Amino acid sequence: MPTISVFYGIQIMMYFYDNGQHNTPHIHAEYQDSEAAFSILDGEIISGDFPRKQTRLVQAWIELHQESLMVDWKLAITGQELHRVEPLR
């Protein structure tokens, strides 16, 4: 599972061929012992649990990079190499 960005201790990843389980464009985020999948379309948590502050950071990052994330999503579901996405600053 490629890491596409890291910021404020949050690691953002996208699995290859991962359109079956949630069937919506999404990213996976890890922070300390927390993991969650976030929708690229609206930033909502699809599964998992994430601290409130870090959830807001991930949601802001998704909003800023939604277009790039959709490009990566299309690459990921076909097993192609993903692009890194700028971290939140």
N, C-alpha and C. Protein backbone atom coordinates (compact mmCIF):
# COMPACT_ATOMS: atom_id res chain seq x y z
N MET A 1 0.86 -1.17 0.00
CA MET A 1 0.00 0.00 0.00
C MET A 1 0.90 1.23 0.00
N PRO A 2 0.91 1.98 -1.08
CA PRO A 2 1.78 3.16 -1.16
C PRO A 2 1.33 4.30 -0.25
N THR A 3 2.31 4.93 0.36
CA THR A 3 2.07 6.15 1.12
C THR A 3 2.14 7.30 0.13
N ILE A 4 1.09 8.11 0.09
CA ILE A 4 1.07 9.22 -0.86
C ILE A 4 1.34 10.57 -0.21
N SER A 5 1.25 10.63 1.14
CA SER A 5 1.56 11.89 1.83
C SER A 5 1.72 11.62 3.33
N VAL A 6 2.49 12.48 3.97
CA VAL A 6 2.66 12.43 5.43
C VAL A 6 2.69 13.87 5.93
N PHE A 7 1.89 14.16 6.95
CA PHE A 7 1.89 15.50 7.55
C PHE A 7 1.38 15.41 8.99
N TYR A 8 2.00 16.19 9.86
CA TYR A 8 1.63 16.27 11.28
C TYR A 8 1.48 14.88 11.92
N GLY A 9 2.33 13.94 11.55
CA GLY A 9 2.29 12.60 12.11
C GLY A 9 1.23 11.70 11.52
N ILE A 10 0.51 12.19 10.51
CA ILE A 10 -0.54 11.42 9.85
C ILE A 10 0.02 10.85 8.55
N GLN A 11 -0.13 9.56 8.38
CA GLN A 11 0.32 8.90 7.16
C GLN A 11 -0.90 8.61 6.29
N ILE A 12 -0.85 9.05 5.02
CA ILE A 12 -1.96 8.87 4.09
C ILE A 12 -1.55 7.83 3.05
N MET A 13 -2.40 6.82 2.87
CA MET A 13 -2.10 5.73 1.95
C MET A 13 -3.29 5.44 1.04
N MET A 14 -2.99 4.76 -0.05
CA MET A 14 -4.04 4.32 -0.95
C MET A 14 -3.67 2.90 -1.39
N TYR A 15 -4.60 1.97 -1.20
CA TYR A 15 -4.37 0.58 -1.60
C TYR A 15 -4.57 0.42 -3.11
N PHE A 16 -3.85 -0.51 -3.70
CA PHE A 16 -4.10 -0.90 -5.08
C PHE A 16 -5.34 -1.80 -5.12
N TYR A 17 -6.12 -1.69 -6.17
CA TYR A 17 -7.30 -2.55 -6.41
C TYR A 17 -8.28 -2.52 -5.23
N ASP A 18 -8.47 -1.38 -4.60
CA ASP A 18 -9.27 -1.29 -3.37
C ASP A 18 -10.64 -0.67 -3.62
N ASN A 19 -11.32 -1.06 -4.68
CA ASN A 19 -12.64 -0.49 -4.93
C ASN A 19 -13.77 -1.46 -4.57
N GLY A 20 -13.46 -2.60 -4.01
CA GLY A 20 -14.49 -3.56 -3.66
C GLY A 20 -15.09 -3.36 -2.29
N GLN A 21 -14.26 -3.14 -1.28
CA GLN A 21 -14.74 -3.08 0.10
C GLN A 21 -15.65 -1.89 0.35
N HIS A 22 -15.21 -0.70 0.00
CA HIS A 22 -16.02 0.49 0.28
C HIS A 22 -16.75 0.98 -0.96
N ASN A 23 -16.28 0.59 -2.14
CA ASN A 23 -16.88 0.93 -3.42
C ASN A 23 -17.07 2.44 -3.62
N THR A 24 -16.22 3.22 -3.00
CA THR A 24 -16.22 4.67 -3.20
C THR A 24 -14.77 5.12 -3.15
N PRO A 25 -14.41 6.15 -3.90
CA PRO A 25 -13.03 6.64 -3.84
C PRO A 25 -12.66 7.05 -2.40
N HIS A 26 -11.56 6.53 -1.90
CA HIS A 26 -11.18 6.81 -0.52
C HIS A 26 -9.67 6.68 -0.32
N ILE A 27 -9.24 7.22 0.81
CA ILE A 27 -7.85 7.10 1.24
C ILE A 27 -7.86 6.45 2.63
N HIS A 28 -6.72 5.93 3.02
CA HIS A 28 -6.55 5.36 4.37
C HIS A 28 -5.59 6.26 5.13
N ALA A 29 -5.92 6.55 6.37
CA ALA A 29 -5.07 7.41 7.20
C ALA A 29 -4.71 6.68 8.49
N GLU A 30 -3.47 6.85 8.92
CA GLU A 30 -3.01 6.31 10.20
C GLU A 30 -2.39 7.42 11.01
N TYR A 31 -2.71 7.41 12.30
CA TYR A 31 -2.11 8.35 13.24
C TYR A 31 -1.96 7.63 14.57
N GLN A 32 -0.74 7.48 15.01
CA GLN A 32 -0.45 6.70 16.21
C GLN A 32 -1.15 5.35 16.13
N ASP A 33 -2.10 5.05 17.02
CA ASP A 33 -2.78 3.75 17.01
C ASP A 33 -4.14 3.80 16.31
N SER A 34 -4.45 4.92 15.66
CA SER A 34 -5.75 5.08 15.01
C SER A 34 -5.63 4.90 13.50
N GLU A 35 -6.67 4.29 12.93
CA GLU A 35 -6.74 4.10 11.48
C GLU A 35 -8.16 4.38 11.02
N ALA A 36 -8.28 4.99 9.85
CA ALA A 36 -9.61 5.25 9.28
C ALA A 36 -9.50 5.37 7.77
N ALA A 37 -10.62 5.08 7.11
CA ALA A 37 -10.75 5.31 5.67
C ALA A 37 -11.63 6.54 5.49
N PHE A 38 -11.20 7.46 4.65
CA PHE A 38 -11.93 8.71 4.40
C PHE A 38 -12.37 8.76 2.94
N SER A 39 -13.59 9.19 2.70
CA SER A 39 -14.09 9.39 1.35
C SER A 39 -13.37 10.57 0.71
N ILE A 40 -12.93 10.40 -0.53
CA ILE A 40 -12.31 11.51 -1.26
C ILE A 40 -13.40 12.49 -1.70
N LEU A 41 -14.61 12.01 -1.88
CA LEU A 41 -15.69 12.85 -2.39
C LEU A 41 -16.19 13.89 -1.39
N ASP A 42 -16.28 13.50 -0.11
CA ASP A 42 -16.80 14.44 0.89
C ASP A 42 -15.99 14.51 2.18
N GLY A 43 -14.91 13.74 2.28
CA GLY A 43 -14.05 13.79 3.46
C GLY A 43 -14.57 13.06 4.68
N GLU A 44 -15.73 12.42 4.57
CA GLU A 44 -16.31 11.73 5.72
C GLU A 44 -15.58 10.42 5.99
N ILE A 45 -15.58 10.01 7.25
CA ILE A 45 -14.99 8.73 7.63
C ILE A 45 -15.92 7.61 7.17
N ILE A 46 -15.37 6.67 6.40
CA ILE A 46 -16.12 5.53 5.90
C ILE A 46 -16.04 4.38 6.90
N SER A 47 -14.86 4.18 7.46
CA SER A 47 -14.68 3.13 8.46
C SER A 47 -13.51 3.50 9.35
N GLY A 48 -13.49 2.90 10.53
CA GLY A 48 -12.41 3.15 11.47
C GLY A 48 -12.74 4.27 12.44
N ASP A 49 -11.71 4.66 13.17
CA ASP A 49 -11.86 5.69 14.20
C ASP A 49 -10.62 6.56 14.15
N PHE A 50 -10.80 7.87 14.30
CA PHE A 50 -9.69 8.81 14.19
C PHE A 50 -9.92 9.94 15.16
N PRO A 51 -8.84 10.48 15.76
CA PRO A 51 -9.01 11.61 16.68
C PRO A 51 -9.62 12.82 15.96
N ARG A 52 -10.40 13.58 16.67
CA ARG A 52 -11.13 14.71 16.09
C ARG A 52 -10.21 15.72 15.41
N LYS A 53 -9.15 16.13 16.07
CA LYS A 53 -8.24 17.13 15.50
C LYS A 53 -7.61 16.62 14.20
N GLN A 54 -7.14 15.39 14.21
CA GLN A 54 -6.51 14.82 13.02
C GLN A 54 -7.53 14.57 11.92
N THR A 55 -8.77 14.26 12.29
CA THR A 55 -9.84 14.11 11.29
C THR A 55 -10.02 15.42 10.54
N ARG A 56 -10.05 16.53 11.26
CA ARG A 56 -10.22 17.84 10.60
C ARG A 56 -9.05 18.16 9.69
N LEU A 57 -7.84 17.78 10.10
CA LEU A 57 -6.67 18.01 9.25
C LEU A 57 -6.76 17.19 7.96
N VAL A 58 -7.14 15.91 8.08
CA VAL A 58 -7.27 15.06 6.90
C VAL A 58 -8.37 15.60 5.99
N GLN A 59 -9.49 16.02 6.55
CA GLN A 59 -10.58 16.55 5.75
C GLN A 59 -10.18 17.83 5.00
N ALA A 60 -9.43 18.70 5.65
CA ALA A 60 -8.94 19.91 4.99
C ALA A 60 -7.99 19.55 3.86
N TRP A 61 -7.11 18.58 4.10
CA TRP A 61 -6.15 18.13 3.09
C TRP A 61 -6.88 17.53 1.89
N ILE A 62 -7.89 16.72 2.15
CA ILE A 62 -8.69 16.13 1.06
C ILE A 62 -9.33 17.24 0.23
N GLU A 63 -9.90 18.22 0.89
CA GLU A 63 -10.56 19.32 0.16
C GLU A 63 -9.56 20.06 -0.73
N LEU A 64 -8.36 20.29 -0.24
CA LEU A 64 -7.34 20.99 -1.01
C LEU A 64 -6.83 20.16 -2.20
N HIS A 65 -6.82 18.85 -2.07
CA HIS A 65 -6.18 17.99 -3.07
C HIS A 65 -7.14 16.98 -3.71
N GLN A 66 -8.42 17.29 -3.70
CA GLN A 66 -9.41 16.34 -4.19
C GLN A 66 -9.15 15.91 -5.65
N GLU A 67 -8.78 16.84 -6.50
CA GLU A 67 -8.53 16.50 -7.90
C GLU A 67 -7.35 15.53 -8.04
N SER A 68 -6.25 15.83 -7.35
CA SER A 68 -5.08 14.95 -7.39
C SER A 68 -5.40 13.58 -6.80
N LEU A 69 -6.19 13.56 -5.76
CA LEU A 69 -6.56 12.29 -5.13
C LEU A 69 -7.42 11.44 -6.06
N MET A 70 -8.30 12.07 -6.83
CA MET A 70 -9.11 11.32 -7.79
C MET A 70 -8.24 10.73 -8.90
N VAL A 71 -7.22 11.47 -9.32
CA VAL A 71 -6.28 10.95 -10.32
C VAL A 71 -5.59 9.71 -9.74
N ASP A 72 -5.10 9.82 -8.50
CA ASP A 72 -4.44 8.69 -7.85
C ASP A 72 -5.40 7.51 -7.68
N TRP A 73 -6.64 7.80 -7.33
CA TRP A 73 -7.63 6.74 -7.15
C TRP A 73 -7.79 5.93 -8.44
N LYS A 74 -7.91 6.63 -9.55
CA LYS A 74 -8.07 5.94 -10.84
C LYS A 74 -6.84 5.10 -11.17
N LEU A 75 -5.67 5.58 -10.79
CA LEU A 75 -4.45 4.79 -10.98
C LEU A 75 -4.44 3.58 -10.05
N ALA A 76 -4.82 3.79 -8.80
CA ALA A 76 -4.76 2.73 -7.79
C ALA A 76 -5.69 1.56 -8.13
N ILE A 77 -6.89 1.85 -8.59
CA ILE A 77 -7.83 0.75 -8.83
C ILE A 77 -7.43 -0.09 -10.04
N THR A 78 -6.50 0.44 -10.85
CA THR A 78 -5.99 -0.36 -11.97
C THR A 78 -4.57 -0.87 -11.70
N GLY A 79 -4.07 -0.63 -10.48
CA GLY A 79 -2.77 -1.16 -10.08
C GLY A 79 -1.58 -0.39 -10.61
N GLN A 80 -1.78 0.86 -11.01
CA GLN A 80 -0.69 1.65 -11.55
C GLN A 80 0.00 2.46 -10.46
N GLU A 81 1.20 2.94 -10.76
CA GLU A 81 1.99 3.71 -9.80
C GLU A 81 1.28 5.02 -9.44
N LEU A 82 1.27 5.34 -8.15
CA LEU A 82 0.60 6.55 -7.66
C LEU A 82 1.57 7.72 -7.57
N HIS A 83 0.99 8.91 -7.57
CA HIS A 83 1.77 10.14 -7.41
C HIS A 83 1.73 10.58 -5.95
N ARG A 84 2.80 11.16 -5.47
CA ARG A 84 2.81 11.76 -4.14
C ARG A 84 1.93 13.01 -4.17
N VAL A 85 1.30 13.32 -3.05
CA VAL A 85 0.45 14.50 -2.94
C VAL A 85 1.06 15.39 -1.86
N GLU A 86 1.12 16.68 -2.14
CA GLU A 86 1.72 17.64 -1.21
C GLU A 86 1.10 17.50 0.18
N PRO A 87 1.92 17.56 1.21
CA PRO A 87 1.39 17.49 2.58
C PRO A 87 0.69 18.78 2.97
N LEU A 88 -0.10 18.70 4.01
CA LEU A 88 -0.74 19.88 4.58
C LEU A 88 0.32 20.66 5.34
N ARG A 89 0.36 21.94 5.15
CA ARG A 89 1.37 22.79 5.84
C ARG A 89 0.72 23.83 6.70
